[in-house]
Amino acid sequence: MSINQKTKFSLVRLIVDDLFKTQKLSLFLVILIIVSAVVVLWTTQQTRKQLFAQEQLVLERDVLESEWRNLIIEENVLADPKRIEQKANLLGMQYVSPKNETVIVIKNR
């Protein structure tokens, strides 16, 4: 080994030894800062995921509300009494008079 490599090795070793022997508080604080940064990144990622999911649900809700309104309109159009009477006439249906009406009663045993 050359002198330069020994110096580098001993310098790195000296710094590490110094951190573990006399600068424990500094080392602990650096570790806390790193852990805190990782937690902030993770929290930010989770928040973005939740916001994206919320946005997708809002869009889906809007589509479903629009479809619901269209179904209500369709139901109102199909349930129009004039339309029903017109369809009944096309099928040859007519009103039943009370004298032609038959009532069947089924009794449960």
PDB file of N, CA and C in Angstrom:
ATOM      1  N   MET A   1       0.828  -1.187   0.000  1.00  0.00           N
ATOM      2  CA  MET A   1       0.000   0.000   0.000  1.00  0.00           C
ATOM      3  C   MET A   1       0.866   1.240   0.000  1.00  0.00           C
ATOM      4  N   SER A   2       0.351   2.221  -0.680  1.00  0.00           N
ATOM      5  CA  SER A   2       1.107   3.469  -0.696  1.00  0.00           C
ATOM      6  C   SER A   2       0.752   4.295   0.530  1.00  0.00           C
ATOM      7  N   ILE A   3       1.487   5.326   0.739  1.00  0.00           N
ATOM      8  CA  ILE A   3       1.284   6.195   1.903  1.00  0.00           C
ATOM      9  C   ILE A   3      -0.057   6.930   1.775  1.00  0.00           C
ATOM     10  N   ASN A   4      -0.392   7.308   0.553  1.00  0.00           N
ATOM     11  CA  ASN A   4      -1.643   8.035   0.320  1.00  0.00           C
ATOM     12  C   ASN A   4      -2.844   7.165   0.693  1.00  0.00           C
ATOM     13  N   GLN A   5      -2.814   5.886   0.313  1.00  0.00           N
ATOM     14  CA  GLN A   5      -3.912   4.979   0.644  1.00  0.00           C
ATOM     15  C   GLN A   5      -3.995   4.752   2.146  1.00  0.00           C
ATOM     16  N   LYS A   6      -2.867   4.632   2.821  1.00  0.00           N
ATOM     17  CA  LYS A   6      -2.867   4.464   4.274  1.00  0.00           C
ATOM     18  C   LYS A   6      -3.443   5.704   4.936  1.00  0.00           C
ATOM     19  N   THR A   7      -3.111   6.870   4.410  1.00  0.00           N
ATOM     20  CA  THR A   7      -3.607   8.120   4.980  1.00  0.00           C
ATOM     21  C   THR A   7      -5.125   8.203   4.801  1.00  0.00           C
ATOM     22  N   LYS A   8      -5.598   7.856   3.600  1.00  0.00           N
ATOM     23  CA  LYS A   8      -7.041   7.882   3.369  1.00  0.00           C
ATOM     24  C   LYS A   8      -7.748   6.907   4.286  1.00  0.00           C
ATOM     25  N   PHE A   9      -7.202   5.711   4.379  1.00  0.00           N
ATOM     26  CA  PHE A   9      -7.822   4.701   5.220  1.00  0.00           C
ATOM     27  C   PHE A   9      -7.820   5.151   6.671  1.00  0.00           C
ATOM     28  N   SER A  10      -6.714   5.657   7.120  1.00  0.00           N
ATOM     29  CA  SER A  10      -6.651   6.077   8.510  1.00  0.00           C
ATOM     30  C   SER A  10      -7.511   7.317   8.747  1.00  0.00           C
ATOM     31  N   LEU A  11      -7.658   8.185   7.742  1.00  0.00           N
ATOM     32  CA  LEU A  11      -8.505   9.363   7.891  1.00  0.00           C
ATOM     33  C   LEU A  11      -9.974   8.947   7.999  1.00  0.00           C
ATOM     34  N   VAL A  12     -10.392   8.014   7.125  1.00  0.00           N
ATOM     35  CA  VAL A  12     -11.765   7.520   7.193  1.00  0.00           C
ATOM     36  C   VAL A  12     -11.996   6.819   8.526  1.00  0.00           C
ATOM     37  N   ARG A  13     -11.042   6.013   8.909  1.00  0.00           N
ATOM     38  CA  ARG A  13     -11.152   5.301  10.184  1.00  0.00           C
ATOM     39  C   ARG A  13     -11.185   6.281  11.352  1.00  0.00           C
ATOM     40  N   LEU A  14     -10.394   7.318  11.266  1.00  0.00           N
ATOM     41  CA  LEU A  14     -10.369   8.338  12.309  1.00  0.00           C
ATOM     42  C   LEU A  14     -11.720   9.055  12.424  1.00  0.00           C
ATOM     43  N   ILE A  15     -12.314   9.367  11.281  1.00  0.00           N
ATOM     44  CA  ILE A  15     -13.625  10.043  11.279  1.00  0.00           C
ATOM     45  C   ILE A  15     -14.698   9.122  11.859  1.00  0.00           C
ATOM     46  N   VAL A  16     -14.705   7.863  11.436  1.00  0.00           N
ATOM     47  CA  VAL A  16     -15.688   6.908  11.942  1.00  0.00           C
ATOM     48  C   VAL A  16     -15.504   6.690  13.436  1.00  0.00           C
ATOM     49  N   ASP A  17     -14.272   6.504  13.855  1.00  0.00           N
ATOM     50  CA  ASP A  17     -14.002   6.334  15.285  1.00  0.00           C
ATOM     51  C   ASP A  17     -14.441   7.554  16.078  1.00  0.00           C
ATOM     52  N   ASP A  18     -14.185   8.729  15.525  1.00  0.00           N
ATOM     53  CA  ASP A  18     -14.572   9.967  16.207  1.00  0.00           C
ATOM     54  C   ASP A  18     -16.098  10.058  16.334  1.00  0.00           C
ATOM     55  N   LEU A  19     -16.794   9.676  15.265  1.00  0.00           N
ATOM     56  CA  LEU A  19     -18.258   9.720  15.315  1.00  0.00           C
ATOM     57  C   LEU A  19     -18.806   8.777  16.376  1.00  0.00           C
ATOM     58  N   PHE A  20     -18.268   7.578  16.435  1.00  0.00           N
ATOM     59  CA  PHE A  20     -18.801   6.593  17.370  1.00  0.00           C
ATOM     60  C   PHE A  20     -18.328   6.807  18.809  1.00  0.00           C
ATOM     61  N   LYS A  21     -17.218   7.427  19.000  1.00  0.00           N
ATOM     62  CA  LYS A  21     -16.696   7.599  20.364  1.00  0.00           C
ATOM     63  C   LYS A  21     -17.086   8.925  20.985  1.00  0.00           C
ATOM     64  N   THR A  22     -16.887  10.010  20.262  1.00  0.00           N
ATOM     65  CA  THR A  22     -17.090  11.322  20.896  1.00  0.00           C
ATOM     66  C   THR A  22     -18.282  12.097  20.338  1.00  0.00           C
ATOM     67  N   GLN A  23     -18.769  11.727  19.193  1.00  0.00           N
ATOM     68  CA  GLN A  23     -19.853  12.485  18.555  1.00  0.00           C
ATOM     69  C   GLN A  23     -21.124  11.641  18.427  1.00  0.00           C
ATOM     70  N   LYS A  24     -21.462  10.909  19.468  1.00  0.00           N
ATOM     71  CA  LYS A  24     -22.630  10.033  19.415  1.00  0.00           C
ATOM     72  C   LYS A  24     -23.916  10.829  19.206  1.00  0.00           C
ATOM     73  N   LEU A  25     -24.013  11.976  19.852  1.00  0.00           N
ATOM     74  CA  LEU A  25     -25.201  12.806  19.706  1.00  0.00           C
ATOM     75  C   LEU A  25     -25.338  13.295  18.261  1.00  0.00           C
ATOM     76  N   SER A  26     -24.235  13.736  17.667  1.00  0.00           N
ATOM     77  CA  SER A  26     -24.263  14.197  16.272  1.00  0.00           C
ATOM     78  C   SER A  26     -24.666  13.058  15.336  1.00  0.00           C
ATOM     79  N   LEU A  27     -24.115  11.897  15.546  1.00  0.00           N
ATOM     80  CA  LEU A  27     -24.457  10.731  14.732  1.00  0.00           C
ATOM     81  C   LEU A  27     -25.934  10.387  14.888  1.00  0.00           C
ATOM     82  N   PHE A  28     -26.403  10.421  16.122  1.00  0.00           N
ATOM     83  CA  PHE A  28     -27.814  10.137  16.387  1.00  0.00           C
ATOM     84  C   PHE A  28     -28.715  11.155  15.683  1.00  0.00           C
ATOM     85  N   LEU A  29     -28.346  12.423  15.714  1.00  0.00           N
ATOM     86  CA  LEU A  29     -29.135  13.464  15.066  1.00  0.00           C
ATOM     87  C   LEU A  29     -29.126  13.310  13.544  1.00  0.00           C
ATOM     88  N   VAL A  30     -27.993  12.929  12.981  1.00  0.00           N
ATOM     89  CA  VAL A  30     -27.921  12.697  11.536  1.00  0.00           C
ATOM     90  C   VAL A  30     -28.835  11.543  11.141  1.00  0.00           C
ATOM     91  N   ILE A  31     -28.816  10.492  11.932  1.00  0.00           N
ATOM     92  CA  ILE A  31     -29.691   9.346  11.662  1.00  0.00           C
ATOM     93  C   ILE A  31     -31.155   9.770  11.768  1.00  0.00           C
ATOM     94  N   LEU A  32     -31.475  10.571  12.768  1.00  0.00           N
ATOM     95  CA  LEU A  32     -32.848  11.063  12.907  1.00  0.00           C
ATOM     96  C   LEU A  32     -33.267  11.926  11.717  1.00  0.00           C
ATOM     97  N   ILE A  33     -32.372  12.741  11.220  1.00  0.00           N
ATOM     98  CA  ILE A  33     -32.669  13.583  10.055  1.00  0.00           C
ATOM     99  C   ILE A  33     -32.945  12.714   8.835  1.00  0.00           C
ATOM    100  N   ILE A  34     -32.146  11.689   8.642  1.00  0.00           N
ATOM    101  CA  ILE A  34     -32.340  10.788   7.497  1.00  0.00           C
ATOM    102  C   ILE A  34     -33.671  10.047   7.617  1.00  0.00           C
ATOM    103  N   VAL A  35     -33.956   9.539   8.808  1.00  0.00           N
ATOM    104  CA  VAL A  35     -35.224   8.839   9.023  1.00  0.00           C
ATOM    105  C   VAL A  35     -36.394   9.791   8.804  1.00  0.00           C
ATOM    106  N   SER A  36     -36.271  11.004   9.310  1.00  0.00           N
ATOM    107  CA  SER A  36     -37.330  12.007   9.133  1.00  0.00           C
ATOM    108  C   SER A  36     -37.548  12.312   7.650  1.00  0.00           C
ATOM    109  N   ALA A  37     -36.492  12.444   6.889  1.00  0.00           N
ATOM    110  CA  ALA A  37     -36.606  12.717   5.455  1.00  0.00           C
ATOM    111  C   ALA A  37     -37.314  11.571   4.738  1.00  0.00           C
ATOM    112  N   VAL A  38     -36.976  10.339   5.097  1.00  0.00           N
ATOM    113  CA  VAL A  38     -37.615   9.179   4.480  1.00  0.00           C
ATOM    114  C   VAL A  38     -39.110   9.155   4.816  1.00  0.00           C
ATOM    115  N   VAL A  39     -39.447   9.451   6.062  1.00  0.00           N
ATOM    116  CA  VAL A  39     -40.855   9.474   6.472  1.00  0.00           C
ATOM    117  C   VAL A  39     -41.612  10.581   5.734  1.00  0.00           C
ATOM    118  N   VAL A  40     -41.002  11.736   5.554  1.00  0.00           N
ATOM    119  CA  VAL A  40     -41.646  12.823   4.816  1.00  0.00           C
ATOM    120  C   VAL A  40     -41.891  12.399   3.366  1.00  0.00           C
ATOM    121  N   LEU A  41     -40.915  11.769   2.740  1.00  0.00           N
ATOM    122  CA  LEU A  41     -41.087  11.299   1.368  1.00  0.00           C
ATOM    123  C   LEU A  41     -42.201  10.260   1.266  1.00  0.00           C
ATOM    124  N   TRP A  42     -42.223   9.329   2.208  1.00  0.00           N
ATOM    125  CA  TRP A  42     -43.243   8.286   2.202  1.00  0.00           C
ATOM    126  C   TRP A  42     -44.634   8.894   2.401  1.00  0.00           C
ATOM    127  N   THR A  43     -44.744   9.835   3.340  1.00  0.00           N
ATOM    128  CA  THR A  43     -46.028  10.482   3.604  1.00  0.00           C
ATOM    129  C   THR A  43     -46.503  11.267   2.380  1.00  0.00           C
ATOM    130  N   THR A  44     -45.592  11.957   1.738  1.00  0.00           N
ATOM    131  CA  THR A  44     -45.945  12.711   0.529  1.00  0.00           C
ATOM    132  C   THR A  44     -46.445  11.771  -0.561  1.00  0.00           C
ATOM    133  N   GLN A  45     -45.774  10.660  -0.721  1.00  0.00           N
ATOM    134  CA  GLN A  45     -46.188   9.670  -1.728  1.00  0.00           C
ATOM    135  C   GLN A  45     -47.577   9.137  -1.414  1.00  0.00           C
ATOM    136  N   GLN A  46     -47.828   8.799  -0.161  1.00  0.00           N
ATOM    137  CA  GLN A  46     -49.137   8.281   0.231  1.00  0.00           C
ATOM    138  C   GLN A  46     -50.228   9.325   0.029  1.00  0.00           C
ATOM    139  N   THR A  47     -49.925  10.572   0.347  1.00  0.00           N
ATOM    140  CA  THR A  47     -50.895  11.650   0.159  1.00  0.00           C
ATOM    141  C   THR A  47     -51.237  11.815  -1.317  1.00  0.00           C
ATOM    142  N   ARG A  48     -50.246  11.771  -2.162  1.00  0.00           N
ATOM    143  CA  ARG A  48     -50.484  11.895  -3.608  1.00  0.00           C
ATOM    144  C   ARG A  48     -51.319  10.732  -4.129  1.00  0.00           C
ATOM    145  N   LYS A  49     -51.044   9.531  -3.636  1.00  0.00           N
ATOM    146  CA  LYS A  49     -51.834   8.368  -4.049  1.00  0.00           C
ATOM    147  C   LYS A  49     -53.297   8.552  -3.637  1.00  0.00           C
ATOM    148  N   GLN A  50     -53.508   9.017  -2.408  1.00  0.00           N
ATOM    149  CA  GLN A  50     -54.872   9.205  -1.917  1.00  0.00           C
ATOM    150  C   GLN A  50     -55.595  10.303  -2.696  1.00  0.00           C
ATOM    151  N   LEU A  51     -54.893  11.382  -3.013  1.00  0.00           N
ATOM    152  CA  LEU A  51     -55.505  12.459  -3.794  1.00  0.00           C
ATOM    153  C   LEU A  51     -55.876  11.980  -5.193  1.00  0.00           C
ATOM    154  N   PHE A  52     -55.021  11.171  -5.793  1.00  0.00           N
ATOM    155  CA  PHE A  52     -55.315  10.620  -7.118  1.00  0.00           C
ATOM    156  C   PHE A  52     -56.533   9.706  -7.048  1.00  0.00           C
ATOM    157  N   ALA A  53     -56.584   8.859  -6.015  1.00  0.00           N
ATOM    158  CA  ALA A  53     -57.724   7.955  -5.861  1.00  0.00           C
ATOM    159  C   ALA A  53     -59.007   8.755  -5.629  1.00  0.00           C
ATOM    160  N   GLN A  54     -58.919   9.811  -4.843  1.00  0.00           N
ATOM    161  CA  GLN A  54     -60.092  10.653  -4.599  1.00  0.00           C
ATOM    162  C   GLN A  54     -60.565  11.305  -5.899  1.00  0.00           C
ATOM    163  N   GLU A  55     -59.636  11.782  -6.683  1.00  0.00           N
ATOM    164  CA  GLU A  55     -59.994  12.413  -7.954  1.00  0.00           C
ATOM    165  C   GLU A  55     -60.683  11.411  -8.880  1.00  0.00           C
ATOM    166  N   GLN A  56     -60.186  10.179  -8.912  1.00  0.00           N
ATOM    167  CA  GLN A  56     -60.808   9.146  -9.737  1.00  0.00           C
ATOM    168  C   GLN A  56     -62.226   8.853  -9.253  1.00  0.00           C
ATOM    169  N   LEU A  57     -62.420   8.808  -7.937  1.00  0.00           N
ATOM    170  CA  LEU A  57     -63.747   8.551  -7.396  1.00  0.00           C
ATOM    171  C   LEU A  57     -64.710   9.699  -7.684  1.00  0.00           C
ATOM    172  N   VAL A  58     -64.221  10.929  -7.640  1.00  0.00           N
ATOM    173  CA  VAL A  58     -65.066  12.081  -7.962  1.00  0.00           C
ATOM    174  C   VAL A  58     -65.501  12.019  -9.419  1.00  0.00           C
ATOM    175  N   LEU A  59     -64.573  11.684 -10.312  1.00  0.00           N
ATOM    176  CA  LEU A  59     -64.922  11.549 -11.730  1.00  0.00           C
ATOM    177  C   LEU A  59     -65.942  10.431 -11.946  1.00  0.00           C
ATOM    178  N   GLU A  60     -65.744   9.318 -11.261  1.00  0.00           N
ATOM    179  CA  GLU A  60     -66.679   8.200 -11.380  1.00  0.00           C
ATOM    180  C   GLU A  60     -68.061   8.598 -10.849  1.00  0.00           C
ATOM    181  N   ARG A  61     -68.083   9.346  -9.736  1.00  0.00           N
ATOM    182  CA  ARG A  61     -69.351   9.816  -9.179  1.00  0.00           C
ATOM    183  C   ARG A  61     -70.076  10.722 -10.174  1.00  0.00           C
ATOM    184  N   ASP A  62     -69.331  11.610 -10.818  1.00  0.00           N
ATOM    185  CA  ASP A  62     -69.942  12.509 -11.799  1.00  0.00           C
ATOM    186  C   ASP A  62     -70.556  11.734 -12.959  1.00  0.00           C
ATOM    187  N   VAL A  63     -69.852  10.709 -13.439  1.00  0.00           N
ATOM    188  CA  VAL A  63     -70.369   9.884 -14.533  1.00  0.00           C
ATOM    189  C   VAL A  63     -71.639   9.165 -14.087  1.00  0.00           C
ATOM    190  N   LEU A  64     -71.618   8.611 -12.868  1.00  0.00           N
ATOM    191  CA  LEU A  64     -72.790   7.890 -12.366  1.00  0.00           C
ATOM    192  C   LEU A  64     -73.979   8.822 -12.140  1.00  0.00           C
ATOM    193  N   GLU A  65     -73.717  10.032 -11.653  1.00  0.00           N
ATOM    194  CA  GLU A  65     -74.803  10.999 -11.472  1.00  0.00           C
ATOM    195  C   GLU A  65     -75.423  11.383 -12.818  1.00  0.00           C
ATOM    196  N   SER A  66     -74.591  11.557 -13.825  1.00  0.00           N
ATOM    197  CA  SER A  66     -75.089  11.870 -15.156  1.00  0.00           C
ATOM    198  C   SER A  66     -75.935  10.725 -15.694  1.00  0.00           C
ATOM    199  N   GLU A  67     -75.460   9.509 -15.521  1.00  0.00           N
ATOM    200  CA  GLU A  67     -76.216   8.342 -15.972  1.00  0.00           C
ATOM    201  C   GLU A  67     -77.534   8.232 -15.213  1.00  0.00           C
ATOM    202  N   TRP A  68     -77.508   8.526 -13.914  1.00  0.00           N
ATOM    203  CA  TRP A  68     -78.723   8.486 -13.098  1.00  0.00           C
ATOM    204  C   TRP A  68     -79.754   9.505 -13.606  1.00  0.00           C
ATOM    205  N   ARG A  69     -79.306  10.722 -13.907  1.00  0.00           N
ATOM    206  CA  ARG A  69     -80.213  11.742 -14.437  1.00  0.00           C
ATOM    207  C   ARG A  69     -80.817  11.285 -15.768  1.00  0.00           C
ATOM    208  N   ASN A  70     -79.999  10.696 -16.618  1.00  0.00           N
ATOM    209  CA  ASN A  70     -80.506  10.203 -17.906  1.00  0.00           C
ATOM    210  C   ASN A  70     -81.538   9.089 -17.710  1.00  0.00           C
ATOM    211  N   LEU A  71     -81.305   8.218 -16.731  1.00  0.00           N
ATOM    212  CA  LEU A  71     -82.261   7.141 -16.460  1.00  0.00           C
ATOM    213  C   LEU A  71     -83.579   7.686 -15.919  1.00  0.00           C
ATOM    214  N   ILE A  72     -83.506   8.709 -15.080  1.00  0.00           N
ATOM    215  CA  ILE A  72     -84.733   9.334 -14.556  1.00  0.00           C
ATOM    216  C   ILE A  72     -85.529   9.957 -15.710  1.00  0.00           C
ATOM    217  N   ILE A  73     -84.836  10.634 -16.607  1.00  0.00           N
ATOM    218  CA  ILE A  73     -85.506  11.238 -17.766  1.00  0.00           C
ATOM    219  C   ILE A  73     -86.140  10.155 -18.630  1.00  0.00           C
ATOM    220  N   GLU A  74     -85.394   9.082 -18.868  1.00  0.00           N
ATOM    221  CA  GLU A  74     -85.927   7.978 -19.671  1.00  0.00           C
ATOM    222  C   GLU A  74     -87.149   7.351 -19.009  1.00  0.00           C
ATOM    223  N   GLU A  75     -87.098   7.176 -17.704  1.00  0.00           N
ATOM    224  CA  GLU A  75     -88.237   6.609 -16.976  1.00  0.00           C
ATOM    225  C   GLU A  75     -89.462   7.512 -17.103  1.00  0.00           C
ATOM    226  N   ASN A  76     -89.255   8.810 -16.975  1.00  0.00           N
ATOM    227  CA  ASN A  76     -90.377   9.745 -17.099  1.00  0.00           C
ATOM    228  C   ASN A  76     -90.977   9.712 -18.502  1.00  0.00           C
ATOM    229  N   VAL A  77     -90.134   9.603 -19.515  1.00  0.00           N
ATOM    230  CA  VAL A  77     -90.629   9.548 -20.894  1.00  0.00           C
ATOM    231  C   VAL A  77     -91.402   8.250 -21.122  1.00  0.00           C
ATOM    232  N   LEU A  78     -90.846   7.125 -20.651  1.00  0.00           N
ATOM    233  CA  LEU A  78     -91.503   5.830 -20.875  1.00  0.00           C
ATOM    234  C   LEU A  78     -92.781   5.671 -20.058  1.00  0.00           C
ATOM    235  N   ALA A  79     -92.890   6.368 -18.933  1.00  0.00           N
ATOM    236  CA  ALA A  79     -94.072   6.247 -18.078  1.00  0.00           C
ATOM    237  C   ALA A  79     -95.143   7.270 -18.419  1.00  0.00           C
ATOM    238  N   ASP A  80     -94.991   8.019 -19.480  1.00  0.00           N
ATOM    239  CA  ASP A  80     -95.980   9.025 -19.870  1.00  0.00           C
ATOM    240  C   ASP A  80     -97.306   8.326 -20.204  1.00  0.00           C
ATOM    241  N   PRO A  81     -98.407   8.755 -19.574  1.00  0.00           N
ATOM    242  CA  PRO A  81     -99.698   8.081 -19.804  1.00  0.00           C
ATOM    243  C   PRO A  81    -100.137   8.075 -21.268  1.00  0.00           C
ATOM    244  N   LYS A  82     -99.879   9.136 -21.985  1.00  0.00           N
ATOM    245  CA  LYS A  82    -100.262   9.177 -23.399  1.00  0.00           C
ATOM    246  C   LYS A  82     -99.514   8.124 -24.194  1.00  0.00           C
ATOM    247  N   ARG A  83     -98.228   7.955 -23.894  1.00  0.00           N
ATOM    248  CA  ARG A  83     -97.421   6.961 -24.601  1.00  0.00           C
ATOM    249  C   ARG A  83     -97.911   5.555 -24.288  1.00  0.00           C
ATOM    250  N   ILE A  84     -98.233   5.308 -23.016  1.00  0.00           N
ATOM    251  CA  ILE A  84     -98.710   3.976 -22.621  1.00  0.00           C
ATOM    252  C   ILE A  84    -100.034   3.662 -23.316  1.00  0.00           C
ATOM    253  N   GLU A  85    -100.930   4.647 -23.363  1.00  0.00           N
ATOM    254  CA  GLU A  85    -102.213   4.440 -24.031  1.00  0.00           C
ATOM    255  C   GLU A  85    -102.021   4.182 -25.528  1.00  0.00           C
ATOM    256  N   GLN A  86    -101.108   4.891 -26.134  1.00  0.00           N
ATOM    257  CA  GLN A  86    -100.818   4.698 -27.555  1.00  0.00           C
ATOM    258  C   GLN A  86    -100.293   3.286 -27.822  1.00  0.00           C
ATOM    259  N   LYS A  87     -99.373   2.822 -26.967  1.00  0.00           N
ATOM    260  CA  LYS A  87     -98.827   1.455 -27.121  1.00  0.00           C
ATOM    261  C   LYS A  87     -99.928   0.419 -26.906  1.00  0.00           C
ATOM    262  N   ALA A  88    -100.808   0.669 -25.928  1.00  0.00           N
ATOM    263  CA  ALA A  88    -101.910  -0.272 -25.677  1.00  0.00           C
ATOM    264  C   ALA A  88    -102.828  -0.353 -26.878  1.00  0.00           C
ATOM    265  N   ASN A  89    -103.127   0.770 -27.504  1.00  0.00           N
ATOM    266  CA  ASN A  89    -103.980   0.766 -28.700  1.00  0.00           C
ATOM    267  C   ASN A  89    -103.323   0.002 -29.842  1.00  0.00           C
ATOM    268  N   LEU A  90    -101.997   0.156 -30.008  1.00  0.00           N
ATOM    269  CA  LEU A  90    -101.291  -0.590 -31.057  1.00  0.00           C
ATOM    270  C   LEU A  90    -101.369  -2.094 -30.831  1.00  0.00           C
ATOM    271  N   LEU A  91    -101.406  -2.514 -29.566  1.00  0.00           N
ATOM    272  CA  LEU A  91    -101.472  -3.941 -29.237  1.00  0.00           C
ATOM    273  C   LEU A  91    -102.911  -4.454 -29.182  1.00  0.00           C
ATOM    274  N   GLY A  92    -103.867  -3.568 -29.417  1.00  0.00           N
ATOM    275  CA  GLY A  92    -105.276  -3.979 -29.404  1.00  0.00           C
ATOM    276  C   GLY A  92    -105.847  -4.092 -28.004  1.00  0.00           C
ATOM    277  N   MET A  93    -105.248  -3.460 -27.056  1.00  0.00           N
ATOM    278  CA  MET A  93    -105.730  -3.515 -25.677  1.00  0.00           C
ATOM    279  C   MET A  93    -106.794  -2.439 -25.487  1.00  0.00           C
ATOM    280  N   GLN A  94    -107.706  -2.697 -24.544  1.00  0.00           N
ATOM    281  CA  GLN A  94    -108.735  -1.716 -24.233  1.00  0.00           C
ATOM    282  C   GLN A  94    -109.062  -1.788 -22.757  1.00  0.00           C
ATOM    283  N   TYR A  95    -109.788  -0.773 -22.283  1.00  0.00           N
ATOM    284  CA  TYR A  95    -110.171  -0.748 -20.875  1.00  0.00           C
ATOM    285  C   TYR A  95    -111.191  -1.855 -20.603  1.00  0.00           C
ATOM    286  N   VAL A  96    -111.136  -2.428 -19.424  1.00  0.00           N
ATOM    287  CA  VAL A  96    -112.063  -3.480 -19.023  1.00  0.00           C
ATOM    288  C   VAL A  96    -113.225  -2.818 -18.286  1.00  0.00           C
ATOM    289  N   SER A  97    -114.411  -3.102 -18.712  1.00  0.00           N
ATOM    290  CA  SER A  97    -115.571  -2.554 -18.002  1.00  0.00           C
ATOM    291  C   SER A  97    -115.824  -3.398 -16.757  1.00  0.00           C
ATOM    292  N   PRO A  98    -116.447  -2.819 -15.745  1.00  0.00           N
ATOM    293  CA  PRO A  98    -116.667  -3.577 -14.499  1.00  0.00           C
ATOM    294  C   PRO A  98    -117.475  -4.858 -14.710  1.00  0.00           C
ATOM    295  N   LYS A  99    -118.395  -4.904 -15.667  1.00  0.00           N
ATOM    296  CA  LYS A  99    -119.193  -6.123 -15.858  1.00  0.00           C
ATOM    297  C   LYS A  99    -118.379  -7.242 -16.520  1.00  0.00           C
ATOM    298  N   ASN A 100    -117.307  -6.871 -17.243  1.00  0.00           N
ATOM    299  CA  ASN A 100    -116.446  -7.881 -17.875  1.00  0.00           C
ATOM    300  C   ASN A 100    -115.238  -8.253 -17.000  1.00  0.00           C
ATOM    301  N   GLU A 101    -115.155  -7.629 -15.863  1.00  0.00           N
ATOM    302  CA  GLU A 101    -113.998  -7.848 -14.976  1.00  0.00           C
ATOM    303  C   GLU A 101    -114.219  -9.104 -14.159  1.00  0.00           C
ATOM    304  N   THR A 102    -113.178  -9.924 -14.045  1.00  0.00           N
ATOM    305  CA  THR A 102    -113.222 -11.142 -13.237  1.00  0.00           C
ATOM    306  C   THR A 102    -112.117 -11.050 -12.192  1.00  0.00           C
ATOM    307  N   VAL A 103    -112.473 -11.321 -10.957  1.00  0.00           N
ATOM    308  CA  VAL A 103    -111.508 -11.277  -9.857  1.00  0.00           C
ATOM    309  C   VAL A 103    -111.266 -12.698  -9.400  1.00  0.00           C
ATOM    310  N   ILE A 104    -110.014 -13.085  -9.286  1.00  0.00           N
ATOM    311  CA  ILE A 104    -109.647 -14.419  -8.820  1.00  0.00           C
ATOM    312  C   ILE A 104    -108.951 -14.265  -7.482  1.00  0.00           C
ATOM    313  N   VAL A 105    -109.419 -14.979  -6.476  1.00  0.00           N
ATOM    314  CA  VAL A 105    -108.836 -14.917  -5.134  1.00  0.00           C
ATOM    315  C   VAL A 105    -108.197 -16.265  -4.844  1.00  0.00           C
ATOM    316  N   ILE A 106    -106.936 -16.247  -4.477  1.00  0.00           N
ATOM    317  CA  ILE A 106    -106.216 -17.476  -4.144  1.00  0.00           C
ATOM    318  C   ILE A 106    -105.964 -17.463  -2.648  1.00  0.00           C
ATOM    319  N   LYS A 107    -106.447 -18.507  -1.982  1.00  0.00           N
ATOM    320  CA  LYS A 107    -106.268 -18.598  -0.525  1.00  0.00           C
ATOM    321  C   LYS A 107    -105.075 -19.483  -0.218  1.00  0.00           C
ATOM    322  N   ASN A 108    -104.260 -19.022   0.697  1.00  0.00           N
ATOM    323  CA  ASN A 108    -103.125 -19.833   1.153  1.00  0.00           C
ATOM    324  C   ASN A 108    -103.615 -20.782   2.228  1.00  0.00           C
ATOM    325  N   ARG A 109    -103.145 -21.977   2.199  1.00  0.00           N
ATOM    326  CA  ARG A 109    -103.586 -22.961   3.195  1.00  0.00           C
ATOM    327  C   ARG A 109    -102.723 -22.942   4.397  1.00  0.00           C
TER     328      ARG A 109
END
